[in-house]
Amino acid sequence: MALDGDTFDVELAHETLRRTNLGTLKPDSGVNLERPLAATDRMGGHIVQGHVDSTGKVMSLKPEGDSILMGFRVPKKLMPYIVEKGFIAVDGISLTVVKRGASSFTISVIPYTLDNTILKERCIGDSVNLEIDILAKYVESFLRR
């Protein structure tokens, strides 16, 4: 793993290995690491924490102008939380959902994001880490009570 060109070792909990694709990575595989939001920073709307909920699979890669439409197959348990124009983190990258299907969703990846993240390395069939917006989980928890 690297951050700003530095490399370091990371230990993983069994829970992390169960929910993520990290156990399948090779020593030279890239991983997105982003600094957390400071309490004094402006928020842009995406509230994710870096806690992966599950994995999905890359289904499609389709050029659209300068961007790439990426489609992902998603476990059924996550689909209720995925909404068009809502938020989702894919491999640690906070993104907006363009389209939602019955068991999938699509995002549009702009050139800057492709150039500066590991999404450029993803191919059809690859496993990706998924994190849904934390607010959706809290709303569901409160409504169940």
C-alpha atoms as a PDB file:
ATOM      1  CA  MET A   1       0.000   0.000   0.000  1.00  0.00           C
ATOM      2  CA  ALA A   2       1.213   3.494  -0.689  1.00  0.00           C
ATOM      3  CA  LEU A   3       0.249   7.010   0.289  1.00  0.00           C
ATOM      4  CA  ASP A   4       2.004   9.878  -1.467  1.00  0.00           C
ATOM      5  CA  GLY A   5       4.684   7.471  -2.730  1.00  0.00           C
ATOM      6  CA  ASP A   6       5.412   5.963   0.689  1.00  0.00           C
ATOM      7  CA  THR A   7       4.941   2.257   1.342  1.00  0.00           C
ATOM      8  CA  PHE A   8       3.972   0.698   4.636  1.00  0.00           C
ATOM      9  CA  ASP A   9       2.700  -2.559   6.071  1.00  0.00           C
ATOM     10  CA  VAL A  10      -0.895  -2.929   7.176  1.00  0.00           C
ATOM     11  CA  GLU A  11      -2.465  -5.598   9.360  1.00  0.00           C
ATOM     12  CA  LEU A  12      -6.018  -6.691   8.543  1.00  0.00           C
ATOM     13  CA  ALA A  13      -8.711  -7.974  10.885  1.00  0.00           C
ATOM     14  CA  HIS A  14     -10.676 -11.091   9.934  1.00  0.00           C
ATOM     15  CA  GLU A  15     -13.790  -8.882   9.588  1.00  0.00           C
ATOM     16  CA  THR A  16     -11.955  -6.798   6.975  1.00  0.00           C
ATOM     17  CA  LEU A  17     -10.965  -9.911   5.053  1.00  0.00           C
ATOM     18  CA  ARG A  18     -14.577 -11.219   5.149  1.00  0.00           C
ATOM     19  CA  ARG A  19     -16.104  -8.013   3.768  1.00  0.00           C
ATOM     20  CA  THR A  20     -13.468  -6.750   1.329  1.00  0.00           C
ATOM     21  CA  ASN A  21     -11.347  -7.807  -1.617  1.00  0.00           C
ATOM     22  CA  LEU A  22      -8.128  -7.048   0.276  1.00  0.00           C
ATOM     23  CA  GLY A  23      -7.320 -10.715   0.854  1.00  0.00           C
ATOM     24  CA  THR A  24      -7.083 -11.258  -2.913  1.00  0.00           C
ATOM     25  CA  LEU A  25      -4.629  -8.438  -3.603  1.00  0.00           C
ATOM     26  CA  LYS A  26      -0.982  -8.941  -4.512  1.00  0.00           C
ATOM     27  CA  PRO A  27       1.914  -7.101  -2.811  1.00  0.00           C
ATOM     28  CA  ASP A  28       2.102  -4.536  -5.643  1.00  0.00           C
ATOM     29  CA  SER A  29      -1.663  -3.925  -5.906  1.00  0.00           C
ATOM     30  CA  GLY A  30      -2.854  -0.345  -5.560  1.00  0.00           C
ATOM     31  CA  VAL A  31      -5.264   0.678  -2.801  1.00  0.00           C
ATOM     32  CA  ASN A  32      -7.015   4.033  -2.438  1.00  0.00           C
ATOM     33  CA  LEU A  33      -6.336   5.707   0.896  1.00  0.00           C
ATOM     34  CA  GLU A  34      -7.878   9.076   1.611  1.00  0.00           C
ATOM     35  CA  ARG A  35      -7.402  11.304   4.610  1.00  0.00           C
ATOM     36  CA  PRO A  36     -10.499  11.670   6.800  1.00  0.00           C
ATOM     37  CA  LEU A  37     -12.571  14.835   6.779  1.00  0.00           C
ATOM     38  CA  ALA A  38     -11.693  17.229   9.567  1.00  0.00           C
ATOM     39  CA  ALA A  39     -14.601  18.481  11.681  1.00  0.00           C
ATOM     40  CA  THR A  40     -13.891  22.026  10.463  1.00  0.00           C
ATOM     41  CA  ASP A  41     -13.938  21.143   6.721  1.00  0.00           C
ATOM     42  CA  ARG A  42     -16.827  21.838   4.344  1.00  0.00           C
ATOM     43  CA  MET A  43     -18.900  18.761   3.548  1.00  0.00           C
ATOM     44  CA  GLY A  44     -19.829  18.059  -0.055  1.00  0.00           C
ATOM     45  CA  GLY A  45     -22.593  15.560   0.702  1.00  0.00           C
ATOM     46  CA  HIS A  46     -20.983  12.128   0.529  1.00  0.00           C
ATOM     47  CA  ILE A  47     -20.797  10.676   4.023  1.00  0.00           C
ATOM     48  CA  VAL A  48     -18.699   7.547   3.964  1.00  0.00           C
ATOM     49  CA  GLN A  49     -16.311   6.302   6.621  1.00  0.00           C
ATOM     50  CA  GLY A  50     -14.050   3.741   5.005  1.00  0.00           C
ATOM     51  CA  HIS A  51     -15.959   0.802   6.507  1.00  0.00           C
ATOM     52  CA  VAL A  52     -16.624  -1.602   3.625  1.00  0.00           C
ATOM     53  CA  ASP A  53     -20.076  -3.200   3.636  1.00  0.00           C
ATOM     54  CA  SER A  54     -19.477  -5.825   0.958  1.00  0.00           C
ATOM     55  CA  THR A  55     -17.912  -6.444  -2.425  1.00  0.00           C
ATOM     56  CA  GLY A  56     -19.362  -6.165  -5.913  1.00  0.00           C
ATOM     57  CA  LYS A  57     -18.167  -7.084  -9.410  1.00  0.00           C
ATOM     58  CA  VAL A  58     -17.385  -4.872 -12.387  1.00  0.00           C
ATOM     59  CA  MET A  59     -20.018  -5.731 -15.034  1.00  0.00           C
ATOM     60  CA  SER A  60     -19.360  -3.173 -17.748  1.00  0.00           C
ATOM     61  CA  LEU A  61     -16.991  -0.431 -18.893  1.00  0.00           C
ATOM     62  CA  LYS A  62     -18.374   1.894 -21.550  1.00  0.00           C
ATOM     63  CA  PRO A  63     -16.744   5.104 -22.794  1.00  0.00           C
ATOM     64  CA  GLU A  64     -19.070   8.114 -22.791  1.00  0.00           C
ATOM     65  CA  GLY A  65     -17.323  11.260 -24.002  1.00  0.00           C
ATOM     66  CA  ASP A  66     -14.301  11.825 -21.750  1.00  0.00           C
ATOM     67  CA  SER A  67     -15.827   9.690 -19.002  1.00  0.00           C
ATOM     68  CA  ILE A  68     -16.310   5.960 -18.471  1.00  0.00           C
ATOM     69  CA  LEU A  69     -19.623   4.447 -17.417  1.00  0.00           C
ATOM     70  CA  MET A  70     -18.842   1.615 -15.016  1.00  0.00           C
ATOM     71  CA  GLY A  71     -21.522  -0.919 -14.116  1.00  0.00           C
ATOM     72  CA  PHE A  72     -21.360  -3.062 -10.978  1.00  0.00           C
ATOM     73  CA  ARG A  73     -23.260  -6.168  -9.832  1.00  0.00           C
ATOM     74  CA  VAL A  74     -24.180  -5.788  -6.170  1.00  0.00           C
ATOM     75  CA  PRO A  75     -25.236  -8.194  -3.399  1.00  0.00           C
ATOM     76  CA  LYS A  76     -29.009  -8.123  -2.898  1.00  0.00           C
ATOM     77  CA  LYS A  77     -28.636  -6.931   0.720  1.00  0.00           C
ATOM     78  CA  LEU A  78     -27.142  -3.587  -0.440  1.00  0.00           C
ATOM     79  CA  MET A  79     -29.662  -2.755  -3.166  1.00  0.00           C
ATOM     80  CA  PRO A  80     -32.216  -1.022  -0.876  1.00  0.00           C
ATOM     81  CA  TYR A  81     -29.548   1.577  -0.013  1.00  0.00           C
ATOM     82  CA  ILE A  82     -28.567   2.389  -3.587  1.00  0.00           C
ATOM     83  CA  VAL A  83     -30.504   5.209  -5.248  1.00  0.00           C
ATOM     84  CA  GLU A  84     -29.956   7.245  -8.386  1.00  0.00           C
ATOM     85  CA  LYS A  85     -28.037  10.444  -7.602  1.00  0.00           C
ATOM     86  CA  GLY A  86     -27.228   8.939  -4.215  1.00  0.00           C
ATOM     87  CA  PHE A  87     -23.782   8.192  -2.865  1.00  0.00           C
ATOM     88  CA  ILE A  88     -21.676   5.058  -2.820  1.00  0.00           C
ATOM     89  CA  ALA A  89     -17.984   4.417  -2.253  1.00  0.00           C
ATOM     90  CA  VAL A  90     -16.313   2.035  -4.699  1.00  0.00           C
ATOM     91  CA  ASP A  91     -12.823   0.964  -3.643  1.00  0.00           C
ATOM     92  CA  GLY A  92     -12.765   3.891  -1.231  1.00  0.00           C
ATOM     93  CA  ILE A  93     -13.763   6.474  -3.861  1.00  0.00           C
ATOM     94  CA  SER A  94     -16.927   8.407  -3.057  1.00  0.00           C
ATOM     95  CA  LEU A  95     -19.086   8.531  -6.197  1.00  0.00           C
ATOM     96  CA  THR A  96     -22.596   9.396  -7.378  1.00  0.00           C
ATOM     97  CA  VAL A  97     -24.913   6.671  -8.704  1.00  0.00           C
ATOM     98  CA  VAL A  98     -26.032   7.441 -12.275  1.00  0.00           C
ATOM     99  CA  LYS A  99     -28.458   4.537 -12.713  1.00  0.00           C
ATOM    100  CA  ARG A 100     -29.858   1.796 -10.493  1.00  0.00           C
ATOM    101  CA  GLY A 101     -30.995  -1.597 -11.729  1.00  0.00           C
ATOM    102  CA  ALA A 102     -32.570  -4.536  -9.894  1.00  0.00           C
ATOM    103  CA  SER A 103     -29.188  -5.937  -8.844  1.00  0.00           C
ATOM    104  CA  SER A 104     -26.718  -3.400 -10.195  1.00  0.00           C
ATOM    105  CA  PHE A 105     -25.766   0.253 -10.451  1.00  0.00           C
ATOM    106  CA  THR A 106     -23.776   2.475 -12.797  1.00  0.00           C
ATOM    107  CA  ILE A 107     -21.423   5.360 -12.087  1.00  0.00           C
ATOM    108  CA  SER A 108     -19.806   7.848 -14.449  1.00  0.00           C
ATOM    109  CA  VAL A 109     -16.086   8.254 -13.809  1.00  0.00           C
ATOM    110  CA  ILE A 110     -14.572  11.542 -14.960  1.00  0.00           C
ATOM    111  CA  PRO A 111     -10.994  11.717 -16.316  1.00  0.00           C
ATOM    112  CA  TYR A 112      -9.545  13.219 -13.109  1.00  0.00           C
ATOM    113  CA  THR A 113     -10.896  10.333 -11.023  1.00  0.00           C
ATOM    114  CA  LEU A 114      -9.610   7.776 -13.526  1.00  0.00           C
ATOM    115  CA  ASP A 115      -6.158   9.364 -13.530  1.00  0.00           C
ATOM    116  CA  ASN A 116      -5.878   9.596  -9.730  1.00  0.00           C
ATOM    117  CA  THR A 117      -7.455   6.371  -8.426  1.00  0.00           C
ATOM    118  CA  ILE A 118      -7.223   2.626  -8.948  1.00  0.00           C
ATOM    119  CA  LEU A 119     -10.459   2.594 -10.982  1.00  0.00           C
ATOM    120  CA  LYS A 120      -8.286   2.856 -14.113  1.00  0.00           C
ATOM    121  CA  GLU A 121      -6.950  -0.619 -13.266  1.00  0.00           C
ATOM    122  CA  ARG A 122     -10.366  -2.262 -12.959  1.00  0.00           C
ATOM    123  CA  CYS A 123     -11.544  -4.749 -15.607  1.00  0.00           C
ATOM    124  CA  ILE A 124     -14.807  -6.596 -16.159  1.00  0.00           C
ATOM    125  CA  GLY A 125     -15.108  -9.328 -13.529  1.00  0.00           C
ATOM    126  CA  ASP A 126     -12.895  -7.593 -10.964  1.00  0.00           C
ATOM    127  CA  SER A 127     -14.030  -7.459  -7.365  1.00  0.00           C
ATOM    128  CA  VAL A 128     -14.489  -4.007  -5.807  1.00  0.00           C
ATOM    129  CA  ASN A 129     -15.149  -2.862  -2.253  1.00  0.00           C
ATOM    130  CA  LEU A 130     -18.506  -1.162  -1.646  1.00  0.00           C
ATOM    131  CA  GLU A 131     -19.598   1.153   1.134  1.00  0.00           C
ATOM    132  CA  ILE A 132     -23.053   2.669   1.291  1.00  0.00           C
ATOM    133  CA  ASP A 133     -23.838   6.065   2.767  1.00  0.00           C
ATOM    134  CA  ILE A 134     -23.889   5.900   6.577  1.00  0.00           C
ATOM    135  CA  LEU A 135     -27.026   8.056   6.811  1.00  0.00           C
ATOM    136  CA  ALA A 136     -29.066   5.355   5.046  1.00  0.00           C
ATOM    137  CA  LYS A 137     -27.954   2.804   7.631  1.00  0.00           C
ATOM    138  CA  TYR A 138     -28.895   5.082  10.536  1.00  0.00           C
ATOM    139  CA  VAL A 139     -32.305   5.920   9.053  1.00  0.00           C
ATOM    140  CA  GLU A 140     -33.056   2.227   8.631  1.00  0.00           C
ATOM    141  CA  SER A 141     -31.928   1.488  12.192  1.00  0.00           C
ATOM    142  CA  PHE A 142     -34.151   4.232  13.646  1.00  0.00           C
ATOM    143  CA  LEU A 143     -37.183   3.157  11.581  1.00  0.00           C
ATOM    144  CA  ARG A 144     -36.843  -0.456  12.731  1.00  0.00           C
ATOM    145  CA  ARG A 145     -37.195   0.679  16.340  1.00  0.00           C
END
